[in-house]
């Protein structure tokens, strides 16, 4: 081949040129040899350039020494001028390189750049891929494509397919299996075994488990490989790669460890994650026809393990996130159960056990609750298995499922068995072999025929106290892992919350039932009797009562039953008998009378007196208020202090009364309204039955507004707003807001009407008012608080001064405003002013006596 022919060929990216020397002899001249190889037709030639041949070198011993290391084929005689420049055939070069691989190896290592070698390897790889599968030497079926060491295209393909496999098979065992299969194929092993590693908690002991792939592509853990002087356990303990061949003596393995007939050569590799954690041991083997494993095989495996570590990391993240998602989904279901669908404690226990099984893939589940009083664990639902009935746990068949799994309650002392031990110590127990643990009670297995292998038992806490124990039995496909423990521990926290709320819910349900029973009892005893009802009906309702529409009517002159009959009369007189069912009106008034407590002032007499004052206001202001407003005002006046305890709102708040906890503002007024509604709801007591639905709702709204207005804390803002409107001349009877303000002021005026009664009635009323104040002061003093002067029994001479301040600050402003809008209310203003003068005179006399005594 000449230089011109070379340029027409598709050479490799660079010619391989070798400048060599022929061995020098005394009379020899130097030769320059050039080897030229082309890539199109594979022809090769050796050119001998210049020099003088030596006759001493015959054809028989002719040889060409290249750099003192390379020798040409003996048949290639380049020592004579006749052979200089002669073409050498492809077969000759191929035969030479085949018979002298060391020549080619050293030449490639010394003379060829690594980039060129990689390009040749890529071309070789692509050529192999285009061959039919049956033609490929040592081809092996793997779940991933064959990928070669340091081959960029195959690495890319491997990563793509590995990513796809991670989505389909994301567990650690599956990733390890795929990785092991790839390593086995890459090193041309005849087979492999994969052992996963489990390090015991708080122990240096390591257990190996053989992994096999089932027909369903699920990883199956076989029996544990006991520790001993065998290669996999040695590698797991030392984390050192071992290469071994049958018949090879190794002091570390005194016995013949390769006793299986088809295994001749073995390489055992620790699979270590980047954080140094040993996750598995891979055992590769070749049969009698294979070669021993070399250091290059270990290097190939190491490169795979690097990528496999990344895959394991992301597989772990995937599994963790998937488990967390499942856990979050269940926690959401638990929350829904607590606030929406909490049927019973047993149903919640069923849900907890069902999910706990699925969370850790257990075969059986039990949940025991702690009876702190008797120091026992108890359960009515236990040993729940994953079967068809638990599939229906969240469906309409859940009640049937509960019946299937609910049995007679079992109890046993704390400290008995695995669950009892956990309840006593609060320690999490993950038992790999139940029968090897002395704490395990075999009685249940013996009775049922069930075999318990592994147990995961965990306490359930709430507020630092153990309230229950969840026990999972027999992990499906192996043993309970550290990941199971972590997920189960998080789950147990929410179990505690769920059980705690379920217990509270059960208590609330029981309290609700007790409340209904108590309410039924109270309704019976606080409702007018049939004899009282018949007596009132027999006596009848007066057709006319002289002076009842007078603001100065004296309520103290009447008996309690007379006040009831007069109250009925006022309703009929204002609204007509056709407005009510007479029997309902009679029962309502009699029951209202009965629900006023026997306290000094806020009693039935006060209730009737306020109703009578409101009756007078309504009677003398016809056309001012609408019919529903009038009905609410009179009913509210009669009922405005129902079940009053003789104590004000501040006192109820100070003693942390349950009423104050229910109603943060206007405590007693809210209670009075609710008592009114309770009476109306009793059978035969609803005086509004003849109202339409809309009118009924409107009356109840007005009724609540009127009763709450009797709180003096509400009077001051109501008075200020209405006074501003009146002073500006903007008051309008057509304005709903203005009318509501006037209703509130009217209720206050009626409630304070004792201050506008004749002097003898006023004095008698003040006496009972202060007696009630003094009783509250006595209670405050017993509680260690100092009462205000108005409620201090030891400062009774302060009564006149208190009355002056009360009339000046509250009563007179109220009656002046009321008189402005309803002029017929002037008697209330007049009498209040007269009483104020008399109290002022008494107060002055007391002050003079004090000065005189000083």
Foldseek 3Di string as FASTA:
>chain_A
DDPVVQVVAAAQPDWQFAFFWFDDDDPWDTWGWTWGAGDPPGWIAIATHDIAADPVDDLQNAWGQGVVPDIADSNQHPRDPVNGPPTDGNVRVVVRCVVCVVVVVVCCVPPPDPVSVLVVVQVVVVVLVPDDQVPDPLADDAPADAAEDPRVVRVVRRVVVLVVVCVVPLALVLLVRRLLRNLLSHQSFPDKWKWWWAADPPDRDIKTWTWDQDPVRDIFTDDIDDDDLADQNVCVNVQDKDKDFQPDDDVSRNDGRPPDQFFGIKIKHFQAAPVGDTTIIMITGGGPVDDTDDVVSVVRSVVSSNVSNVSSVVSVVVVLVVLVVLLVVLLVVLVCCLPPNVPALLLLQLSLQLVLCVSQVFAFKAKWFADVVVQKTKDQFGGDGPDDLSVCSVDPCVVVSSVVRGHDMDMDHQPQAPFSPCLVPQDWDWAQAQVVDPRHDCPVCVVPVDDFGIKTKGFADDPRHTGMMMMGTHRPRGGGGPSSVVSVVVSSPSVNVSSVSSVVVVVVVVVVVVVVVVLVVCCVVLFDDPVLLVVDVVVDADPDDPPLLPLQDFLVVDDLVVLLSVLLVLVCVVPNPVQFDSQLSSRQSVSQQSQADPALARHQSLLSQLLSNLSNLCVQQPPLDDPLLSVLLNLLSNQLQGNPPLDDPVLCVVVVPVQCVVPVPLSRLVVSLVVSVSQCPDPSHPGRPPPDPVSVVVSSVSNSLQSSLLPVVNLVVLLVVLVVCVVVVNQDSVDPVNVSSLSSLSSNQSSPSLLLHAPVSVVSNLVSNLVSLLVSQVVCVVVVHHDDLSNHPVNVLCSLVVLLCCLVPPNLSSQVSNCVVRVVSVSSNVSNVVSNVVSVVSNVVVVVVVVVVD
